[in-house]
Amino acid sequence: MGSEYVGPLPDPSLYQDQPIPIHNRITVPLAEAQSPQQQQYANGYPPYPSAHPGYPEYPTYPRDSSHRPYYDAVPYGYDPTPAQPRRDRYLLAMAIVSFVASILSLLAGLVSMIFLILIIVLPTTSTMPVSLLFGGIVQFVALTLAFLLGGGFGLYHSIRSLFLKRPSADFKLPWFWIFLLLYLGVILIASILRSERQAVANTPLAVALIILAGSLPAIAVLALGVRRVHFPRSAPWSTSWRRFSIAIISGTTLAIVIAGAIELGLVIFVSLVLKVRGFSITNLDQPLPQDTRAVGLVLIVVSVIAPLVEEAVKPLAVVVMIGRMRSAAEAFVLGLACGIGFDLVETSGYIAMGYRDWSYVALQRSSAGLLHGFGAGMVALGWYYLTHGKSNRHRIVLGLGCWAYALLQHAIWNGSSFLQILPAPIGPFLSGNVPLGPYSFPAFLLVLIAESFLMLAFFVYVTGKLRGQSTDTPALPQETGSGVQEAQVPTHV
């Protein structure tokens, strides 16, 4: 509809700082009417005749105080505040689930603490073997810390997302060599205590050293992976603290419980089928079995059941969030966090089983963080390729290849223990010790070192391929703390 002007303009001095109540539609401010002709004919065109002579014109919406044209004026009864977008249902559901799971984790931590206190103070524990009692203390301390710290961390982030509606910060870690140096210091202290026959003389100190020996190498692997995929330095970080907390809590709590239950059921089933009794695969102090059926049981458990169950269960949190992964690098880092969380609890328990020789077990388990973390990261990466159609031309092959590598790596690592029962000279050599000056170390540690270097080399290769892919799917919606999809805002949940 064209601009029109009817009748003379009112005196502007009568309407200072107020809307001008005119019934005339014009598209130029009053200050631009500089001549009588412009006042009479707005924009140089004569007005249209009134459709109803003798009757007043139908009032139009007035201008506001800024003298905007009529098409910018706010109609009567219209709220100028833009409508807020609805919360993303997926993010809202994730925040609720995380909130509930964090509370359950805190409750489980309190239950673990109660069991820990009962183990220490009950008189019936005095009849238990000292090594078994020590291992139980360490295991429940690790579970208590995992449930309480993980639940508290998850509760903090879920509250920020669910109630405060705030975005999460980028997930960053210091350089990996800081954690590596701390780990070497722990091993040095443990070696000195062992040489003085004081490895478990002070139970609180020994428990603290075992927890550190089981966690520092794993955190070093996580820091290395996070830094490796963050390239160049100006690129955004691969994920956020909120997603990382969900991943690592899932690994330390849910994955441990589910994997333990499934493995226990399968071990009982295979033991009944093979008719094997009197052998426990969790006792590290016993030698490898010589009976054919017992060897078959252990081989099936450690090289088939454990890899299949653990690699499938560890990255469950990533599988739930896989549709919202921004990149292959983010999927890998979150899978890595799930595996690291799983290793933090499992490795502490295995180290404690060594009792007076726990420093040797700590050395043997120093690469377990790389094993579990890298394996879970490859499984999560496989899920990403299989579920994101535009991720890669060969995504099916890559996805299945990632899964196959994780299973093969785990099976070889666990099955390499059977090299010690090979005929001479390999078996007897790997079953003995290698002298190193005044000290000695198990010869089988050489096998673990070789496998660790191979895993580390492939880990560096994979993270190198993922470098610079922190935002390779910018079309996917980003997630903020409010749960609103904002594709242009580089923040994530």
Protein backbone atom coordinates (compact mmCIF):
# COMPACT_ATOMS: atom_id res chain seq x y z
CA MET A 1 0.00 0.00 0.00
CA GLY A 2 1.45 3.38 -0.97
CA SER A 3 2.19 6.25 1.38
CA GLU A 4 -0.57 8.81 1.89
CA TYR A 5 -1.00 12.11 3.62
CA VAL A 6 -4.34 13.65 4.60
CA GLY A 7 -4.69 17.09 6.16
CA PRO A 8 -2.08 19.35 7.73
CA LEU A 9 0.60 18.05 10.03
CA PRO A 10 0.23 18.90 13.74
CA ASP A 11 2.56 21.22 15.52
CA PRO A 12 5.54 19.16 16.76
CA SER A 13 6.01 21.37 19.82
CA LEU A 14 2.73 20.09 21.25
CA TYR A 15 4.02 16.51 21.33
CA GLN A 16 7.51 16.66 22.78
CA ASP A 17 8.79 13.23 23.79
CA GLN A 18 5.39 11.73 22.96
CA PRO A 19 3.98 9.82 19.98
CA ILE A 20 2.27 12.05 17.47
CA PRO A 21 -1.43 11.03 17.43
CA ILE A 22 -2.11 11.39 13.75
CA HIS A 23 -4.22 9.21 11.55
CA ASN A 24 -2.04 9.64 8.52
CA ARG A 25 0.37 7.05 7.18
CA ILE A 26 3.71 8.48 6.12
CA THR A 27 7.09 6.89 5.65
CA VAL A 28 9.42 9.83 6.42
CA PRO A 29 10.06 11.54 9.76
CA LEU A 30 8.56 14.97 10.37
CA ALA A 31 11.96 16.64 10.28
CA GLU A 32 12.35 15.72 6.62
CA ALA A 33 9.26 17.77 5.62
CA GLN A 34 11.19 20.95 4.78
CA SER A 35 8.82 22.69 2.39
CA PRO A 36 5.06 23.36 2.22
CA GLN A 37 4.87 21.25 -0.89
CA GLN A 38 6.51 18.34 0.90
CA GLN A 39 4.14 18.88 3.83
CA GLN A 40 1.15 18.85 1.51
CA TYR A 41 2.28 15.94 -0.64
CA ALA A 42 4.20 13.29 1.18
CA ASN A 43 6.96 11.77 -0.98
CA GLY A 44 5.88 13.97 -3.85
CA TYR A 45 2.54 12.22 -4.46
CA PRO A 46 -0.92 13.74 -3.90
CA PRO A 47 -3.13 11.99 -1.36
CA TYR A 48 -5.87 9.57 -2.27
CA PRO A 49 -9.40 10.91 -1.80
CA SER A 50 -11.27 9.73 1.25
CA ALA A 51 -13.35 6.63 0.68
CA HIS A 52 -16.13 8.02 2.92
CA PRO A 53 -16.47 11.84 2.53
CA GLY A 54 -17.75 13.58 5.61
CA TYR A 55 -16.66 10.83 8.00
CA PRO A 56 -13.39 10.72 9.93
CA GLU A 57 -10.68 8.44 8.75
CA TYR A 58 -10.33 5.08 10.50
CA PRO A 59 -7.51 5.51 13.00
CA THR A 60 -4.26 3.76 12.25
CA TYR A 61 -1.65 2.68 14.75
CA PRO A 62 0.38 5.66 16.00
CA ARG A 63 4.07 6.05 15.77
CA ASP A 64 6.23 5.33 18.77
CA SER A 65 8.57 7.81 20.48
CA SER A 66 11.32 7.16 17.95
CA HIS A 67 9.03 8.32 15.08
CA ARG A 68 9.42 5.07 13.20
CA PRO A 69 7.32 4.56 10.07
CA TYR A 70 3.90 2.98 10.38
CA TYR A 71 5.09 -0.46 9.30
CA ASP A 72 7.52 -0.54 12.26
CA ALA A 73 4.92 0.55 14.80
CA VAL A 74 3.81 -2.01 17.38
CA PRO A 75 0.10 -2.93 17.03
CA TYR A 76 -2.15 -2.69 20.01
CA GLY A 77 -1.96 -5.74 22.24
CA TYR A 78 1.20 -7.13 20.57
CA ASP A 79 4.11 -8.08 22.84
CA PRO A 80 7.34 -6.80 21.22
CA THR A 81 9.46 -9.27 23.25
CA PRO A 82 10.55 -12.10 20.92
CA ALA A 83 9.26 -15.51 21.89
CA GLN A 84 11.87 -17.70 23.57
CA PRO A 85 12.60 -20.93 21.71
CA ARG A 86 11.45 -24.10 23.38
CA ARG A 87 13.97 -26.18 25.28
CA ASP A 88 15.39 -29.05 23.35
CA ARG A 89 13.64 -32.19 24.60
CA TYR A 90 16.71 -34.35 24.18
CA LEU A 91 18.90 -32.02 26.23
CA LEU A 92 16.21 -31.64 28.86
CA ALA A 93 15.90 -35.42 29.13
CA MET A 94 19.68 -35.80 29.36
CA ALA A 95 19.82 -33.19 32.13
CA ILE A 96 17.09 -34.99 34.09
CA VAL A 97 18.74 -38.39 33.64
CA SER A 98 22.11 -36.97 34.66
CA PHE A 99 20.56 -35.35 37.73
CA VAL A 100 18.90 -38.59 38.86
CA ALA A 101 21.97 -40.71 38.05
CA SER A 102 24.21 -38.34 40.03
CA ILE A 103 22.00 -38.65 43.09
CA LEU A 104 22.03 -42.45 42.76
CA SER A 105 25.81 -42.33 42.42
CA LEU A 106 26.10 -40.32 45.63
CA LEU A 107 23.87 -42.84 47.43
CA ALA A 108 25.99 -45.70 46.11
CA GLY A 109 29.08 -43.90 47.39
CA LEU A 110 27.56 -43.68 50.85
CA VAL A 111 26.73 -47.40 50.74
CA SER A 112 30.32 -48.20 49.69
CA MET A 113 31.60 -46.07 52.55
CA ILE A 114 29.42 -48.00 55.01
CA PHE A 115 30.79 -51.31 53.71
CA LEU A 116 34.33 -49.93 53.99
CA ILE A 117 33.76 -48.99 57.62
CA LEU A 118 32.25 -52.40 58.35
CA ILE A 119 35.24 -54.18 56.82
CA ILE A 120 37.60 -52.19 59.01
CA VAL A 121 35.79 -52.31 62.34
CA LEU A 122 33.95 -55.65 62.41
CA PRO A 123 35.74 -58.28 64.51
CA THR A 124 34.89 -61.03 62.00
CA THR A 125 37.37 -59.51 59.57
CA SER A 126 40.21 -60.51 61.89
CA THR A 127 39.86 -64.07 60.64
CA MET A 128 40.23 -63.02 56.98
CA PRO A 129 43.60 -63.32 55.24
CA VAL A 130 45.51 -60.08 55.51
CA SER A 131 45.99 -59.81 51.76
CA LEU A 132 42.26 -60.29 51.11
CA LEU A 133 41.35 -57.73 53.75
CA PHE A 134 43.81 -55.21 52.29
CA GLY A 135 42.47 -55.77 48.78
CA GLY A 136 38.89 -55.27 49.98
CA ILE A 137 39.81 -52.01 51.68
CA VAL A 138 41.46 -50.65 48.54
CA GLN A 139 38.56 -51.77 46.33
CA PHE A 140 35.93 -50.11 48.50
CA VAL A 141 38.02 -46.96 48.83
CA ALA A 142 38.23 -46.77 45.03
CA LEU A 143 34.49 -47.37 44.67
CA THR A 144 33.65 -44.80 47.34
CA LEU A 145 35.81 -42.15 45.71
CA ALA A 146 34.45 -42.96 42.25
CA PHE A 147 30.81 -42.79 43.32
CA LEU A 148 31.13 -39.72 45.56
CA LEU A 149 33.42 -37.64 43.38
CA GLY A 150 31.70 -38.67 40.17
CA GLY A 151 28.23 -38.14 41.62
CA GLY A 152 29.14 -34.74 43.02
CA PHE A 153 30.74 -33.63 39.77
CA GLY A 154 27.75 -34.85 37.75
CA LEU A 155 25.26 -33.24 40.13
CA TYR A 156 27.01 -29.89 39.76
CA HIS A 157 26.85 -29.98 35.97
CA SER A 158 23.30 -31.34 35.84
CA ILE A 159 22.08 -28.53 38.13
CA ARG A 160 23.78 -25.95 35.91
CA SER A 161 22.05 -27.44 32.88
CA LEU A 162 18.62 -28.27 34.34
CA PHE A 163 17.95 -25.35 36.67
CA LEU A 164 20.47 -22.59 35.93
CA LYS A 165 20.40 -23.15 32.14
CA ARG A 166 24.05 -22.23 31.73
CA PRO A 167 26.45 -23.53 29.08
CA SER A 168 29.43 -25.67 29.93
CA ALA A 169 33.07 -24.68 29.52
CA ASP A 170 35.45 -26.36 27.09
CA PHE A 171 37.16 -29.48 28.42
CA LYS A 172 40.90 -28.95 28.82
CA LEU A 173 43.66 -30.77 30.68
CA PRO A 174 47.28 -29.88 31.48
CA TRP A 175 50.11 -31.45 29.52
CA PHE A 176 50.38 -35.21 29.96
CA TRP A 177 53.99 -35.20 31.18
CA ILE A 178 52.87 -33.56 34.45
CA PHE A 179 50.85 -36.65 35.37
CA LEU A 180 53.61 -38.91 34.06
CA LEU A 181 56.20 -37.32 36.35
CA LEU A 182 53.86 -37.64 39.32
CA TYR A 183 53.39 -41.33 38.50
CA LEU A 184 57.14 -41.93 38.35
CA GLY A 185 57.43 -40.29 41.76
CA VAL A 186 54.76 -42.62 43.18
CA ILE A 187 56.54 -45.69 41.74
CA LEU A 188 59.86 -44.49 43.19
CA ILE A 189 58.32 -44.14 46.65
CA ALA A 190 56.66 -47.55 46.33
CA SER A 191 59.95 -49.18 45.31
CA ILE A 192 61.75 -47.67 48.28
CA LEU A 193 59.05 -48.86 50.66
CA ARG A 194 59.18 -52.35 49.16
CA SER A 195 62.95 -52.55 49.46
CA GLU A 196 62.58 -51.60 53.15
CA ARG A 197 59.79 -54.18 53.57
CA GLN A 198 57.36 -51.36 54.38
CA ALA A 199 55.10 -51.64 51.32
CA VAL A 200 51.93 -52.15 53.36
CA ALA A 201 53.15 -51.24 56.85
CA ASN A 202 51.15 -48.01 56.80
CA THR A 203 47.73 -48.92 55.39
CA PRO A 204 46.43 -45.35 54.68
CA LEU A 205 49.69 -44.45 52.91
CA ALA A 206 49.69 -47.68 50.91
CA VAL A 207 46.05 -47.19 49.86
CA ALA A 208 46.74 -43.61 48.78
CA LEU A 209 49.79 -44.68 46.75
CA ILE A 210 47.82 -47.50 45.09
CA ILE A 211 45.00 -45.13 44.10
CA LEU A 212 47.53 -42.70 42.63
CA ALA A 213 49.44 -45.49 40.87
CA GLY A 214 46.21 -46.68 39.27
CA SER A 215 44.92 -43.25 38.21
CA LEU A 216 47.91 -41.11 37.18
CA PRO A 217 48.95 -43.14 34.09
CA ALA A 218 45.34 -43.24 32.88
CA ILE A 219 44.92 -39.48 33.31
CA ALA A 220 48.20 -38.96 31.45
CA VAL A 221 46.79 -40.94 28.50
CA LEU A 222 43.59 -38.87 28.60
CA ALA A 223 45.54 -35.60 28.66
CA LEU A 224 47.69 -36.78 25.74
CA GLY A 225 44.62 -37.71 23.69
CA VAL A 226 42.83 -34.42 24.39
CA ARG A 227 45.88 -32.37 23.45
CA ARG A 228 46.61 -34.45 20.36
CA VAL A 229 43.20 -33.89 18.76
CA HIS A 230 43.20 -30.18 19.63
CA PHE A 231 44.88 -28.75 16.56
CA PRO A 232 45.54 -26.01 15.62
CA ARG A 233 45.62 -24.05 18.85
CA SER A 234 43.03 -21.60 17.52
CA ALA A 235 40.58 -24.45 16.90
CA PRO A 236 37.82 -25.14 19.46
CA TRP A 237 38.35 -27.91 21.98
CA SER A 238 36.77 -31.22 21.14
CA THR A 239 34.13 -31.40 23.89
CA SER A 240 32.87 -29.79 27.11
CA TRP A 241 33.29 -30.50 30.80
CA ARG A 242 29.64 -31.47 31.10
CA ARG A 243 29.86 -34.17 28.46
CA PHE A 244 33.20 -35.34 29.83
CA SER A 245 31.73 -35.70 33.32
CA ILE A 246 28.88 -37.84 31.98
CA ALA A 247 31.35 -40.03 30.10
CA ILE A 248 33.85 -40.64 32.89
CA ILE A 249 31.15 -41.13 35.53
CA SER A 250 29.50 -43.69 33.28
CA GLY A 251 32.81 -45.54 33.00
CA THR A 252 33.57 -45.54 36.73
CA THR A 253 30.08 -46.55 37.85
CA LEU A 254 27.59 -47.92 35.32
CA ALA A 255 30.10 -49.71 33.09
CA ILE A 256 31.86 -51.34 36.06
CA VAL A 257 28.60 -52.67 37.51
CA ILE A 258 27.12 -53.92 34.21
CA ALA A 259 30.37 -55.48 32.97
CA GLY A 260 30.99 -57.18 36.31
CA ALA A 261 27.50 -58.67 36.41
CA ILE A 262 27.59 -59.92 32.82
CA GLU A 263 31.11 -61.33 33.12
CA LEU A 264 30.26 -63.12 36.36
CA GLY A 265 27.25 -64.77 34.79
CA LEU A 266 29.19 -65.84 31.69
CA VAL A 267 32.11 -67.15 33.76
CA ILE A 268 29.76 -69.27 35.85
CA PHE A 269 28.11 -70.58 32.71
CA VAL A 270 31.41 -71.49 31.00
CA SER A 271 32.72 -73.05 34.22
CA LEU A 272 29.66 -75.29 34.40
CA VAL A 273 29.98 -76.25 30.75
CA LEU A 274 33.70 -77.09 31.06
CA LYS A 275 33.22 -78.56 34.55
CA VAL A 276 36.09 -76.54 36.06
CA ARG A 277 36.18 -76.04 39.83
CA GLY A 278 38.57 -74.60 42.36
CA PHE A 279 40.13 -71.98 40.06
CA SER A 280 39.52 -68.23 40.37
CA ILE A 281 40.51 -65.99 37.51
CA THR A 282 40.62 -62.95 39.81
CA ASN A 283 43.41 -64.31 42.03
CA LEU A 284 46.69 -62.93 40.73
CA ASP A 285 48.79 -64.83 43.26
CA GLN A 286 48.04 -68.24 41.82
CA PRO A 287 50.07 -69.63 38.89
CA LEU A 288 48.59 -70.23 35.49
CA PRO A 289 46.66 -73.49 35.36
CA GLN A 290 48.09 -76.64 33.80
CA ASP A 291 44.83 -78.51 33.41
CA THR A 292 43.50 -78.37 29.86
CA ARG A 293 39.98 -77.43 30.89
CA ALA A 294 41.17 -74.75 33.30
CA VAL A 295 43.43 -73.30 30.61
CA GLY A 296 40.49 -73.28 28.20
CA LEU A 297 38.31 -71.53 30.79
CA VAL A 298 40.86 -68.80 31.45
CA LEU A 299 41.56 -68.33 27.74
CA ILE A 300 37.86 -67.98 26.91
CA VAL A 301 37.28 -65.58 29.79
CA VAL A 302 40.24 -63.26 29.27
CA SER A 303 40.43 -63.33 25.46
CA VAL A 304 36.76 -63.62 24.47
CA ILE A 305 34.32 -62.77 27.25
CA ALA A 306 36.23 -59.86 28.80
CA PRO A 307 36.97 -58.03 25.50
CA LEU A 308 33.44 -58.47 24.14
CA VAL A 309 31.66 -57.42 27.32
CA GLU A 310 33.94 -54.62 28.43
CA GLU A 311 34.41 -52.98 25.03
CA ALA A 312 30.65 -53.06 24.45
CA VAL A 313 29.77 -51.65 27.88
CA LYS A 314 32.46 -49.02 28.51
CA PRO A 315 31.30 -46.35 25.99
CA LEU A 316 27.58 -46.57 26.80
CA ALA A 317 27.38 -42.84 27.58
CA VAL A 318 28.80 -42.01 24.14
CA VAL A 319 26.33 -44.34 22.44
CA VAL A 320 23.47 -42.44 24.10
CA MET A 321 24.86 -39.09 22.92
CA ILE A 322 26.19 -40.28 19.56
CA GLY A 323 23.53 -38.41 17.57
CA ARG A 324 24.71 -35.12 19.09
CA MET A 325 28.43 -35.65 18.54
CA ARG A 326 29.91 -32.67 16.74
CA SER A 327 32.84 -34.53 15.27
CA ALA A 328 34.77 -37.77 15.19
CA ALA A 329 37.32 -36.20 17.54
CA GLU A 330 34.66 -35.52 20.15
CA ALA A 331 33.34 -39.09 19.94
CA PHE A 332 36.87 -40.44 20.38
CA VAL A 333 37.68 -38.20 23.36
CA LEU A 334 34.43 -39.05 25.15
CA GLY A 335 34.97 -42.76 24.50
CA LEU A 336 38.50 -42.34 25.82
CA ALA A 337 37.06 -40.77 28.99
CA CYS A 338 34.66 -43.71 29.45
CA GLY A 339 37.53 -46.19 29.22
CA ILE A 340 39.70 -44.16 31.58
CA GLY A 341 36.90 -44.08 34.14
CA PHE A 342 36.55 -47.86 33.87
CA ASP A 343 40.28 -48.31 34.35
CA LEU A 344 40.46 -46.07 37.43
CA VAL A 345 38.40 -48.53 39.46
CA GLU A 346 39.53 -51.81 37.91
CA THR A 347 43.26 -51.14 38.02
CA SER A 348 43.20 -50.01 41.67
CA GLY A 349 41.60 -53.32 42.60
CA TYR A 350 44.13 -55.36 40.61
CA ILE A 351 47.08 -53.48 42.13
CA ALA A 352 45.78 -54.12 45.63
CA MET A 353 45.72 -57.87 44.94
CA GLY A 354 49.49 -57.81 44.73
CA TYR A 355 49.64 -56.88 48.44
CA ARG A 356 53.35 -56.66 49.40
CA ASP A 357 54.38 -56.72 45.72
CA TRP A 358 51.77 -54.18 44.64
CA SER A 359 54.46 -51.95 43.12
CA TYR A 360 55.24 -54.72 40.58
CA VAL A 361 51.57 -55.05 39.74
CA ALA A 362 51.35 -51.27 39.35
CA LEU A 363 54.14 -51.41 36.78
CA GLN A 364 52.40 -54.21 34.93
CA ARG A 365 49.13 -52.26 34.95
CA SER A 366 50.68 -48.93 33.98
CA SER A 367 49.44 -49.38 30.40
CA ALA A 368 45.94 -50.49 31.39
CA GLY A 369 44.71 -46.92 31.03
CA LEU A 370 45.91 -46.89 27.45
CA LEU A 371 44.34 -50.31 26.85
CA HIS A 372 40.90 -49.46 28.23
CA GLY A 373 40.85 -45.82 27.17
CA PHE A 374 42.06 -46.39 23.62
CA GLY A 375 39.77 -49.38 23.19
CA ALA A 376 36.67 -47.47 24.33
CA GLY A 377 37.71 -44.51 22.18
CA MET A 378 37.92 -46.73 19.09
CA VAL A 379 34.51 -48.28 19.82
CA ALA A 380 32.99 -44.81 20.20
CA LEU A 381 34.70 -43.72 16.99
CA GLY A 382 33.21 -46.75 15.23
CA TRP A 383 29.75 -45.78 16.46
CA TYR A 384 30.28 -42.27 15.11
CA TYR A 385 31.23 -43.46 11.63
CA LEU A 386 28.34 -45.92 11.46
CA THR A 387 25.69 -43.42 12.61
CA HIS A 388 26.83 -40.31 10.71
CA GLY A 389 26.11 -40.80 7.05
CA LYS A 390 28.29 -37.95 5.80
CA SER A 391 31.27 -38.58 8.06
CA ASN A 392 33.33 -40.56 5.52
CA ARG A 393 32.92 -42.35 2.20
CA HIS A 394 34.14 -45.59 3.77
CA ARG A 395 32.33 -45.11 7.06
CA ILE A 396 31.04 -48.71 7.26
CA VAL A 397 34.51 -50.17 6.82
CA LEU A 398 36.00 -47.64 9.23
CA GLY A 399 33.34 -48.25 11.86
CA LEU A 400 33.66 -52.03 11.80
CA GLY A 401 37.45 -51.71 11.66
CA CYS A 402 37.48 -49.57 14.81
CA TRP A 403 35.40 -52.16 16.65
CA ALA A 404 37.57 -55.02 15.43
CA TYR A 405 40.76 -53.27 16.53
CA ALA A 406 39.41 -52.63 20.05
CA LEU A 407 38.47 -56.29 20.48
CA LEU A 408 41.71 -57.60 18.99
CA GLN A 409 43.86 -55.27 21.10
CA HIS A 410 42.11 -56.33 24.30
CA ALA A 411 42.23 -60.04 23.42
CA ILE A 412 45.96 -59.96 22.61
CA TRP A 413 46.78 -58.03 25.78
CA ASN A 414 44.91 -60.47 28.01
CA GLY A 415 45.95 -63.60 26.12
CA SER A 416 49.65 -62.75 26.14
CA SER A 417 49.83 -64.10 29.69
CA PHE A 418 49.72 -67.61 28.22
CA LEU A 419 53.16 -67.07 26.70
CA GLN A 420 54.51 -68.05 30.12
CA ILE A 421 53.30 -71.64 29.72
CA LEU A 422 55.02 -72.14 26.36
CA PRO A 423 57.84 -74.70 26.15
CA ALA A 424 61.42 -73.70 26.89
CA PRO A 425 63.11 -71.38 26.39
CA ILE A 426 60.26 -68.82 25.97
CA GLY A 427 57.96 -69.96 28.76
CA PRO A 428 60.54 -70.40 31.54
CA PHE A 429 62.25 -67.13 30.62
CA LEU A 430 59.03 -65.10 30.74
CA SER A 431 58.07 -66.74 34.01
CA GLY A 432 61.29 -65.66 35.73
CA ASN A 433 62.91 -62.37 36.67
CA VAL A 434 65.41 -60.17 34.89
CA PRO A 435 68.19 -58.64 37.04
CA LEU A 436 68.68 -54.88 36.83
CA GLY A 437 71.58 -53.88 39.07
CA PRO A 438 70.63 -54.48 42.69
CA TYR A 439 66.99 -54.93 41.66
CA SER A 440 65.09 -57.32 39.45
CA PHE A 441 61.78 -57.22 37.62
CA PRO A 442 59.49 -59.87 36.09
CA ALA A 443 60.57 -60.86 32.60
CA PHE A 444 56.97 -60.85 31.43
CA LEU A 445 57.06 -57.09 31.88
CA LEU A 446 59.10 -56.96 28.65
CA VAL A 447 56.11 -58.35 26.75
CA LEU A 448 53.81 -55.74 28.25
CA ILE A 449 56.29 -52.96 27.41
CA ALA A 450 56.45 -54.09 23.77
CA GLU A 451 52.65 -54.24 23.52
CA SER A 452 52.37 -50.84 25.16
CA PHE A 453 54.69 -49.22 22.65
CA LEU A 454 52.70 -50.72 19.77
CA MET A 455 49.43 -49.45 21.24
CA LEU A 456 50.94 -46.04 21.90
CA ALA A 457 52.23 -45.79 18.33
CA PHE A 458 48.80 -46.54 16.89
CA PHE A 459 47.22 -44.19 19.43
CA VAL A 460 49.43 -41.37 18.17
CA TYR A 461 48.55 -42.27 14.58
CA VAL A 462 44.78 -42.24 15.20
CA THR A 463 44.82 -38.99 17.16
CA GLY A 464 46.94 -37.47 14.40
CA LYS A 465 44.27 -38.40 11.86
CA LEU A 466 41.60 -36.81 14.06
CA ARG A 467 43.49 -33.55 14.54
CA GLY A 468 41.66 -30.50 13.26
CA GLN A 469 38.31 -32.32 13.17
CA SER A 470 36.84 -30.71 16.28
CA THR A 471 34.11 -29.05 14.21
CA ASP A 472 33.84 -31.19 11.10
CA THR A 473 30.02 -31.26 11.35
CA PRO A 474 29.04 -27.61 11.93
CA ALA A 475 25.50 -28.25 10.67
CA LEU A 476 24.68 -30.26 13.78
CA PRO A 477 22.97 -28.17 16.48
CA GLN A 478 25.14 -27.02 19.33
CA GLU A 479 24.00 -27.53 22.87
CA THR A 480 23.96 -24.85 25.52
CA GLY A 481 23.07 -25.12 29.14
CA SER A 482 19.52 -23.97 28.45
CA GLY A 483 18.98 -26.82 26.07
CA VAL A 484 18.31 -24.48 23.13
CA GLN A 485 19.58 -25.43 19.71
CA GLU A 486 21.86 -22.67 18.46
CA ALA A 487 23.78 -23.72 15.40
CA GLN A 488 25.78 -20.50 15.30
CA VAL A 489 27.00 -20.44 18.90
CA PRO A 490 30.22 -22.44 19.47
CA THR A 491 29.32 -23.76 22.90
CA HIS A 492 28.30 -27.22 23.85
CA VAL A 493 26.86 -29.16 26.71
